[in-house]
Amino acid sequence: TCKASVYFHDSVRITDLPFTALTLTSEHYCSIC
């Protein structure tokens, strides 16, 4: 139901983060939903 999700290809948001151990072991959340 989120307009930023992969289900809405016109408005999908891709969050690029540094490829680090901290990034891989942390949880990240959608800024919309």
PDB file of all heavy atoms in Angstrom:
ATOM      1  N   THR A   1       0.805  -1.219   0.000  1.00  0.00           N
ATOM      2  CA  THR A   1       0.000   0.000   0.000  1.00  0.00           C
ATOM      3  C   THR A   1       0.840   1.272   0.000  1.00  0.00           C
ATOM      4  O   THR A   1       0.299   2.378  -0.099  1.00  0.00           O
ATOM      5  CB  THR A   1      -0.946   0.034   1.218  1.00  0.00           C
ATOM      6  OG1 THR A   1      -0.166   0.037   2.414  1.00  0.00           O
ATOM      7  CG2 THR A   1      -1.886  -1.165   1.212  1.00  0.00           C
ATOM      8  N   CYS A   2       2.151   1.154   0.086  1.00  0.00           N
ATOM      9  CA  CYS A   2       3.037   2.316   0.135  1.00  0.00           C
ATOM     10  C   CYS A   2       3.408   2.757  -1.275  1.00  0.00           C
ATOM     11  O   CYS A   2       3.866   1.955  -2.088  1.00  0.00           O
ATOM     12  CB  CYS A   2       4.291   1.983   0.936  1.00  0.00           C
ATOM     13  SG  CYS A   2       5.469   3.348   1.018  1.00  0.00           S
ATOM     14  N   LYS A   3       3.223   4.024  -1.557  1.00  0.00           N
ATOM     15  CA  LYS A   3       3.528   4.560  -2.889  1.00  0.00           C
ATOM     16  C   LYS A   3       5.035   4.564  -3.194  1.00  0.00           C
ATOM     17  O   LYS A   3       5.437   4.737  -4.331  1.00  0.00           O
ATOM     18  CB  LYS A   3       2.989   5.986  -3.033  1.00  0.00           C
ATOM     19  CG  LYS A   3       1.484   6.065  -2.965  1.00  0.00           C
ATOM     20  CD  LYS A   3       0.843   5.399  -4.148  1.00  0.00           C
ATOM     21  CE  LYS A   3      -0.660   5.584  -4.095  1.00  0.00           C
ATOM     22  NZ  LYS A   3      -1.368   4.820  -5.092  1.00  0.00           N
ATOM     23  N   ALA A   4       5.861   4.357  -2.184  1.00  0.00           N
ATOM     24  CA  ALA A   4       7.311   4.315  -2.390  1.00  0.00           C
ATOM     25  C   ALA A   4       7.823   2.886  -2.545  1.00  0.00           C
ATOM     26  O   ALA A   4       9.013   2.664  -2.678  1.00  0.00           O
ATOM     27  CB  ALA A   4       8.019   4.989  -1.221  1.00  0.00           C
ATOM     28  N   SER A   5       6.913   1.900  -2.545  1.00  0.00           N
ATOM     29  CA  SER A   5       7.334   0.497  -2.575  1.00  0.00           C
ATOM     30  C   SER A   5       7.618   0.006  -3.995  1.00  0.00           C
ATOM     31  O   SER A   5       7.319   0.681  -4.974  1.00  0.00           O
ATOM     32  CB  SER A   5       6.258  -0.389  -1.937  1.00  0.00           C
ATOM     33  OG  SER A   5       5.175  -0.569  -2.824  1.00  0.00           O
ATOM     34  N   VAL A   6       8.136  -1.196  -4.075  1.00  0.00           N
ATOM     35  CA  VAL A   6       8.463  -1.803  -5.362  1.00  0.00           C
ATOM     36  C   VAL A   6       7.207  -2.069  -6.193  1.00  0.00           C
ATOM     37  O   VAL A   6       7.296  -2.297  -7.391  1.00  0.00           O
ATOM     38  CB  VAL A   6       9.260  -3.112  -5.199  1.00  0.00           C
ATOM     39  CG1 VAL A   6      10.603  -2.829  -4.547  1.00  0.00           C
ATOM     40  CG2 VAL A   6       8.483  -4.143  -4.407  1.00  0.00           C
ATOM     41  N   TYR A   7       6.048  -2.017  -5.566  1.00  0.00           N
ATOM     42  CA  TYR A   7       4.793  -2.270  -6.278  1.00  0.00           C
ATOM     43  C   TYR A   7       4.310  -1.062  -7.061  1.00  0.00           C
ATOM     44  O   TYR A   7       3.363  -1.150  -7.829  1.00  0.00           O
ATOM     45  CB  TYR A   7       3.720  -2.741  -5.291  1.00  0.00           C
ATOM     46  CG  TYR A   7       4.117  -4.035  -4.637  1.00  0.00           C
ATOM     47  CD1 TYR A   7       4.647  -4.052  -3.359  1.00  0.00           C
ATOM     48  CD2 TYR A   7       4.012  -5.240  -5.329  1.00  0.00           C
ATOM     49  CE1 TYR A   7       5.044  -5.242  -2.770  1.00  0.00           C
ATOM     50  CE2 TYR A   7       4.412  -6.430  -4.749  1.00  0.00           C
ATOM     51  CZ  TYR A   7       4.926  -6.421  -3.470  1.00  0.00           C
ATOM     52  OH  TYR A   7       5.320  -7.594  -2.896  1.00  0.00           O
ATOM     53  N   PHE A   8       4.938   0.087  -6.874  1.00  0.00           N
ATOM     54  CA  PHE A   8       4.592   1.302  -7.608  1.00  0.00           C
ATOM     55  C   PHE A   8       5.841   1.761  -8.366  1.00  0.00           C
ATOM     56  O   PHE A   8       6.576   2.629  -7.910  1.00  0.00           O
ATOM     57  CB  PHE A   8       4.109   2.392  -6.642  1.00  0.00           C
ATOM     58  CG  PHE A   8       2.822   2.052  -5.966  1.00  0.00           C
ATOM     59  CD1 PHE A   8       2.814   1.369  -4.760  1.00  0.00           C
ATOM     60  CD2 PHE A   8       1.608   2.396  -6.544  1.00  0.00           C
ATOM     61  CE1 PHE A   8       1.614   1.039  -4.131  1.00  0.00           C
ATOM     62  CE2 PHE A   8       0.414   2.078  -5.924  1.00  0.00           C
ATOM     63  CZ  PHE A   8       0.415   1.397  -4.719  1.00  0.00           C
ATOM     64  N   HIS A   9       6.070   1.146  -9.521  1.00  0.00           N
ATOM     65  CA  HIS A   9       7.322   1.380 -10.248  1.00  0.00           C
ATOM     66  C   HIS A   9       7.517   2.832 -10.671  1.00  0.00           C
ATOM     67  O   HIS A   9       8.632   3.274 -10.873  1.00  0.00           O
ATOM     68  CB  HIS A   9       7.426   0.446 -11.460  1.00  0.00           C
ATOM     69  CG  HIS A   9       6.426   0.717 -12.532  1.00  0.00           C
ATOM     70  ND1 HIS A   9       5.129   0.255 -12.456  1.00  0.00           N
ATOM     71  CD2 HIS A   9       6.523   1.412 -13.686  1.00  0.00           C
ATOM     72  CE1 HIS A   9       4.470   0.653 -13.528  1.00  0.00           C
ATOM     73  NE2 HIS A   9       5.295   1.352 -14.277  1.00  0.00           N
ATOM     74  N   ASP A  10       6.448   3.607 -10.785  1.00  0.00           N
ATOM     75  CA  ASP A  10       6.589   5.017 -11.164  1.00  0.00           C
ATOM     76  C   ASP A  10       7.120   5.879 -10.020  1.00  0.00           C
ATOM     77  O   ASP A  10       7.664   6.952 -10.256  1.00  0.00           O
ATOM     78  CB  ASP A  10       5.248   5.589 -11.622  1.00  0.00           C
ATOM     79  CG  ASP A  10       4.790   4.993 -12.949  1.00  0.00           C
ATOM     80  OD1 ASP A  10       5.656   4.475 -13.694  1.00  0.00           O
ATOM     81  OD2 ASP A  10       3.583   5.039 -13.229  1.00  0.00           O
ATOM     82  N   SER A  11       6.944   5.398  -8.795  1.00  0.00           N
ATOM     83  CA  SER A  11       7.351   6.212  -7.656  1.00  0.00           C
ATOM     84  C   SER A  11       8.201   5.457  -6.633  1.00  0.00           C
ATOM     85  O   SER A  11       8.376   5.928  -5.517  1.00  0.00           O
ATOM     86  CB  SER A  11       6.108   6.781  -6.960  1.00  0.00           C
ATOM     87  OG  SER A  11       5.261   5.736  -6.518  1.00  0.00           O
ATOM     88  N   VAL A  12       8.713   4.286  -7.024  1.00  0.00           N
ATOM     89  CA  VAL A  12       9.511   3.484  -6.077  1.00  0.00           C
ATOM     90  C   VAL A  12      10.717   4.292  -5.595  1.00  0.00           C
ATOM     91  O   VAL A  12      11.348   5.013  -6.365  1.00  0.00           O
ATOM     92  CB  VAL A  12       9.964   2.145  -6.700  1.00  0.00           C
ATOM     93  CG1 VAL A  12      10.892   2.354  -7.879  1.00  0.00           C
ATOM     94  CG2 VAL A  12      10.610   1.255  -5.657  1.00  0.00           C
ATOM     95  N   ARG A  13      10.965   4.202  -4.294  1.00  0.00           N
ATOM     96  CA  ARG A  13      12.146   4.864  -3.716  1.00  0.00           C
ATOM     97  C   ARG A  13      13.195   3.807  -3.427  1.00  0.00           C
ATOM     98  O   ARG A  13      12.912   2.797  -2.791  1.00  0.00           O
ATOM     99  CB  ARG A  13      11.779   5.571  -2.419  1.00  0.00           C
ATOM    100  CG  ARG A  13      10.992   6.807  -2.647  1.00  0.00           C
ATOM    101  CD  ARG A  13      10.928   7.627  -1.394  1.00  0.00           C
ATOM    102  NE  ARG A  13      10.068   8.767  -1.642  1.00  0.00           N
ATOM    103  CZ  ARG A  13       9.920   9.753  -0.810  1.00  0.00           C
ATOM    104  NH1 ARG A  13      10.551   9.738   0.339  1.00  0.00           N
ATOM    105  NH2 ARG A  13       9.129  10.753  -1.105  1.00  0.00           N
ATOM    106  N   ILE A  14      14.387   4.075  -3.883  1.00  0.00           N
ATOM    107  CA  ILE A  14      15.518   3.193  -3.616  1.00  0.00           C
ATOM    108  C   ILE A  14      16.417   3.917  -2.623  1.00  0.00           C
ATOM    109  O   ILE A  14      16.824   5.049  -2.862  1.00  0.00           O
ATOM    110  CB  ILE A  14      16.288   2.866  -4.912  1.00  0.00           C
ATOM    111  CG1 ILE A  14      15.350   2.202  -5.914  1.00  0.00           C
ATOM    112  CG2 ILE A  14      17.497   1.995  -4.604  1.00  0.00           C
ATOM    113  CD1 ILE A  14      15.927   2.073  -7.303  1.00  0.00           C
ATOM    114  N   THR A  15      16.677   3.274  -1.514  1.00  0.00           N
ATOM    115  CA  THR A  15      17.529   3.857  -0.486  1.00  0.00           C
ATOM    116  C   THR A  15      18.895   3.204  -0.590  1.00  0.00           C
ATOM    117  O   THR A  15      19.048   2.017  -0.305  1.00  0.00           O
ATOM    118  CB  THR A  15      16.922   3.624   0.915  1.00  0.00           C
ATOM    119  OG1 THR A  15      15.593   4.168   0.934  1.00  0.00           O
ATOM    120  CG2 THR A  15      17.767   4.263   1.986  1.00  0.00           C
ATOM    121  N   ASP A  16      19.881   3.974  -1.043  1.00  0.00           N
ATOM    122  CA  ASP A  16      21.255   3.482  -1.164  1.00  0.00           C
ATOM    123  C   ASP A  16      22.039   3.875   0.085  1.00  0.00           C
ATOM    124  O   ASP A  16      22.089   5.050   0.446  1.00  0.00           O
ATOM    125  CB  ASP A  16      21.935   4.053  -2.404  1.00  0.00           C
ATOM    126  CG  ASP A  16      21.350   3.512  -3.689  1.00  0.00           C
ATOM    127  OD1 ASP A  16      20.996   2.322  -3.717  1.00  0.00           O
ATOM    128  OD2 ASP A  16      21.229   4.285  -4.658  1.00  0.00           O
ATOM    129  N   LEU A  17      22.627   2.883   0.724  1.00  0.00           N
ATOM    130  CA  LEU A  17      23.411   3.109   1.936  1.00  0.00           C
ATOM    131  C   LEU A  17      24.805   2.529   1.756  1.00  0.00           C
ATOM    132  O   LEU A  17      25.010   1.640   0.923  1.00  0.00           O
ATOM    133  CB  LEU A  17      22.727   2.439   3.130  1.00  0.00           C
ATOM    134  CG  LEU A  17      21.322   2.960   3.470  1.00  0.00           C
ATOM    135  CD1 LEU A  17      20.690   2.087   4.542  1.00  0.00           C
ATOM    136  CD2 LEU A  17      21.383   4.394   3.924  1.00  0.00           C
ATOM    137  N   PRO A  18      25.774   2.996   2.524  1.00  0.00           N
ATOM    138  CA  PRO A  18      27.137   2.447   2.421  1.00  0.00           C
ATOM    139  C   PRO A  18      27.138   0.955   2.716  1.00  0.00           C
ATOM    140  O   PRO A  18      26.429   0.493   3.607  1.00  0.00           O
ATOM    141  CB  PRO A  18      27.920   3.203   3.483  1.00  0.00           C
ATOM    142  CG  PRO A  18      27.073   4.338   3.907  1.00  0.00           C
ATOM    143  CD  PRO A  18      25.663   4.026   3.548  1.00  0.00           C
ATOM    144  N   PHE A  19      27.908   0.207   1.956  1.00  0.00           N
ATOM    145  CA  PHE A  19      28.003  -1.243   2.132  1.00  0.00           C
ATOM    146  C   PHE A  19      29.007  -1.517   3.244  1.00  0.00           C
ATOM    147  O   PHE A  19      30.191  -1.731   3.013  1.00  0.00           O
ATOM    148  CB  PHE A  19      28.431  -1.899   0.818  1.00  0.00           C
ATOM    149  CG  PHE A  19      28.252  -3.382   0.819  1.00  0.00           C
ATOM    150  CD1 PHE A  19      27.008  -3.939   0.631  1.00  0.00           C
ATOM    151  CD2 PHE A  19      29.329  -4.229   0.998  1.00  0.00           C
ATOM    152  CE1 PHE A  19      26.829  -5.314   0.613  1.00  0.00           C
ATOM    153  CE2 PHE A  19      29.178  -5.607   0.988  1.00  0.00           C
ATOM    154  CZ  PHE A  19      27.922  -6.148   0.796  1.00  0.00           C
ATOM    155  N   THR A  20      28.497  -1.496   4.488  1.00  0.00           N
ATOM    156  CA  THR A  20      29.344  -1.707   5.663  1.00  0.00           C
ATOM    157  C   THR A  20      28.698  -2.757   6.562  1.00  0.00           C
ATOM    158  O   THR A  20      27.507  -3.068   6.419  1.00  0.00           O
ATOM    159  CB  THR A  20      29.505  -0.403   6.479  1.00  0.00           C
ATOM    160  OG1 THR A  20      28.221  -0.025   6.991  1.00  0.00           O
ATOM    161  CG2 THR A  20      30.087   0.718   5.643  1.00  0.00           C
ATOM    162  N   ALA A  21      29.460  -3.256   7.498  1.00  0.00           N
ATOM    163  CA  ALA A  21      28.920  -4.225   8.463  1.00  0.00           C
ATOM    164  C   ALA A  21      27.789  -3.595   9.264  1.00  0.00           C
ATOM    165  O   ALA A  21      26.773  -4.240   9.536  1.00  0.00           O
ATOM    166  CB  ALA A  21      30.024  -4.711   9.389  1.00  0.00           C
ATOM    167  N   LEU A  22      27.926  -2.326   9.627  1.00  0.00           N
ATOM    168  CA  LEU A  22      26.883  -1.639  10.389  1.00  0.00           C
ATOM    169  C   LEU A  22      25.588  -1.548   9.585  1.00  0.00           C
ATOM    170  O   LEU A  22      24.501  -1.811  10.109  1.00  0.00           O
ATOM    171  CB  LEU A  22      27.342  -0.239  10.805  1.00  0.00           C
ATOM    172  CG  LEU A  22      26.329   0.573  11.602  1.00  0.00           C
ATOM    173  CD1 LEU A  22      25.967  -0.136  12.908  1.00  0.00           C
ATOM    174  CD2 LEU A  22      26.865   1.965  11.882  1.00  0.00           C
ATOM    175  N   THR A  23      25.694  -1.227   8.304  1.00  0.00           N
ATOM    176  CA  THR A  23      24.503  -1.153   7.452  1.00  0.00           C
ATOM    177  C   THR A  23      23.833  -2.514   7.357  1.00  0.00           C
ATOM    178  O   THR A  23      22.610  -2.617   7.467  1.00  0.00           O
ATOM    179  CB  THR A  23      24.873  -0.647   6.040  1.00  0.00           C
ATOM    180  OG1 THR A  23      25.463   0.649   6.145  1.00  0.00           O
ATOM    181  CG2 THR A  23      23.656  -0.574   5.145  1.00  0.00           C
ATOM    182  N   LEU A  24      24.616  -3.559   7.165  1.00  0.00           N
ATOM    183  CA  LEU A  24      24.062  -4.898   6.994  1.00  0.00           C
ATOM    184  C   LEU A  24      23.429  -5.446   8.269  1.00  0.00           C
ATOM    185  O   LEU A  24      22.523  -6.272   8.201  1.00  0.00           O
ATOM    186  CB  LEU A  24      25.146  -5.860   6.501  1.00  0.00           C
ATOM    187  CG  LEU A  24      25.658  -5.600   5.091  1.00  0.00           C
ATOM    188  CD1 LEU A  24      26.867  -6.476   4.800  1.00  0.00           C
ATOM    189  CD2 LEU A  24      24.563  -5.824   4.071  1.00  0.00           C
ATOM    190  N   THR A  25      23.872  -5.000   9.417  1.00  0.00           N
ATOM    191  CA  THR A  25      23.355  -5.531  10.683  1.00  0.00           C
ATOM    192  C   THR A  25      22.311  -4.628  11.326  1.00  0.00           C
ATOM    193  O   THR A  25      21.778  -4.969  12.382  1.00  0.00           O
ATOM    194  CB  THR A  25      24.507  -5.775  11.680  1.00  0.00           C
ATOM    195  OG1 THR A  25      25.215  -4.550  11.882  1.00  0.00           O
ATOM    196  CG2 THR A  25      25.452  -6.848  11.176  1.00  0.00           C
ATOM    197  N   SER A  26      22.007  -3.510  10.700  1.00  0.00           N
ATOM    198  CA  SER A  26      20.994  -2.593  11.224  1.00  0.00           C
ATOM    199  C   SER A  26      19.707  -2.727  10.429  1.00  0.00           C
ATOM    200  O   SER A  26      19.726  -3.131   9.271  1.00  0.00           O
ATOM    201  CB  SER A  26      21.479  -1.141  11.109  1.00  0.00           C
ATOM    202  OG  SER A  26      22.661  -0.944  11.817  1.00  0.00           O
ATOM    203  N   GLU A  27      18.592  -2.374  11.068  1.00  0.00           N
ATOM    204  CA  GLU A  27      17.323  -2.354  10.353  1.00  0.00           C
ATOM    205  C   GLU A  27      17.094  -0.945   9.817  1.00  0.00           C
ATOM    206  O   GLU A  27      17.440   0.040  10.466  1.00  0.00           O
ATOM    207  CB  GLU A  27      16.180  -2.774  11.271  1.00  0.00           C
ATOM    208  CG  GLU A  27      16.234  -4.243  11.615  1.00  0.00           C
ATOM    209  CD  GLU A  27      14.994  -4.726  12.351  1.00  0.00           C
ATOM    210  OE1 GLU A  27      14.132  -3.909  12.700  1.00  0.00           O
ATOM    211  OE2 GLU A  27      14.910  -5.937  12.567  1.00  0.00           O
ATOM    212  N   HIS A  28      16.506  -0.874   8.634  1.00  0.00           N
ATOM    213  CA  HIS A  28      16.232   0.404   7.980  1.00  0.00           C
ATOM    214  C   HIS A  28      14.750   0.439   7.639  1.00  0.00           C
ATOM    215  O   HIS A  28      14.160  -0.593   7.308  1.00  0.00           O
ATOM    216  CB  HIS A  28      17.086   0.537   6.720  1.00  0.00           C
ATOM    217  CG  HIS A  28      18.535   0.264   6.996  1.00  0.00           C
ATOM    218  ND1 HIS A  28      19.354   1.155   7.637  1.00  0.00           N
ATOM    219  CD2 HIS A  28      19.294  -0.841   6.766  1.00  0.00           C
ATOM    220  CE1 HIS A  28      20.556   0.637   7.773  1.00  0.00           C
ATOM    221  NE2 HIS A  28      20.547  -0.586   7.250  1.00  0.00           N
ATOM    222  N   TYR A  29      14.163   1.630   7.711  1.00  0.00           N
ATOM    223  CA  TYR A  29      12.719   1.750   7.559  1.00  0.00           C
ATOM    224  C   TYR A  29      12.347   2.760   6.480  1.00  0.00           C
ATOM    225  O   TYR A  29      13.048   3.747   6.263  1.00  0.00           O
ATOM    226  CB  TYR A  29      12.084   2.158   8.894  1.00  0.00           C
ATOM    227  CG  TYR A  29      12.281   1.093   9.939  1.00  0.00           C
ATOM    228  CD1 TYR A  29      13.382   1.108  10.780  1.00  0.00           C
ATOM    229  CD2 TYR A  29      11.386   0.040  10.051  1.00  0.00           C
ATOM    230  CE1 TYR A  29      13.581   0.101  11.720  1.00  0.00           C
ATOM    231  CE2 TYR A  29      11.578  -0.967  10.982  1.00  0.00           C
ATOM    232  CZ  TYR A  29      12.678  -0.926  11.810  1.00  0.00           C
ATOM    233  OH  TYR A  29      12.881  -1.926  12.727  1.00  0.00           O
ATOM    234  N   CYS A  30      11.224   2.502   5.831  1.00  0.00           N
ATOM    235  CA  CYS A  30      10.701   3.369   4.783  1.00  0.00           C
ATOM    236  C   CYS A  30      10.335   4.729   5.390  1.00  0.00           C
ATOM    237  O   CYS A  30       9.677   4.796   6.430  1.00  0.00           O
ATOM    238  CB  CYS A  30       9.469   2.718   4.152  1.00  0.00           C
ATOM    239  SG  CYS A  30       8.668   3.744   2.892  1.00  0.00           S
ATOM    240  N   SER A  31      10.734   5.798   4.729  1.00  0.00           N
ATOM    241  CA  SER A  31      10.434   7.138   5.235  1.00  0.00           C
ATOM    242  C   SER A  31       8.965   7.510   5.026  1.00  0.00           C
ATOM    243  O   SER A  31       8.471   8.451   5.637  1.00  0.00           O
ATOM    244  CB  SER A  31      11.331   8.173   4.551  1.00  0.00           C
ATOM    245  OG  SER A  31      11.127   8.144   3.155  1.00  0.00           O
ATOM    246  N   ILE A  32       8.248   6.745   4.199  1.00  0.00           N
ATOM    247  CA  ILE A  32       6.834   7.025   3.932  1.00  0.00           C
ATOM    248  C   ILE A  32       5.924   6.234   4.865  1.00  0.00           C
ATOM    249  O   ILE A  32       5.048   6.796   5.521  1.00  0.00           O
ATOM    250  CB  ILE A  32       6.478   6.704   2.464  1.00  0.00           C
ATOM    251  CG1 ILE A  32       7.392   7.451   1.497  1.00  0.00           C
ATOM    252  CG2 ILE A  32       5.008   6.970   2.181  1.00  0.00           C
ATOM    253  CD1 ILE A  32       7.335   8.959   1.593  1.00  0.00           C
ATOM    254  N   CYS A  33       6.094   4.907   4.933  1.00  0.00           N
ATOM    255  CA  CYS A  33       5.159   4.054   5.687  1.00  0.00           C
ATOM    256  C   CYS A  33       5.765   3.420   6.934  1.00  0.00           C
ATOM    257  O   CYS A  33       5.073   2.748   7.682  1.00  0.00           O
ATOM    258  CB  CYS A  33       4.606   2.957   4.776  1.00  0.00           C
ATOM    259  SG  CYS A  33       5.846   1.706   4.352  1.00  0.00           S
TER     260      CYS A  33
END
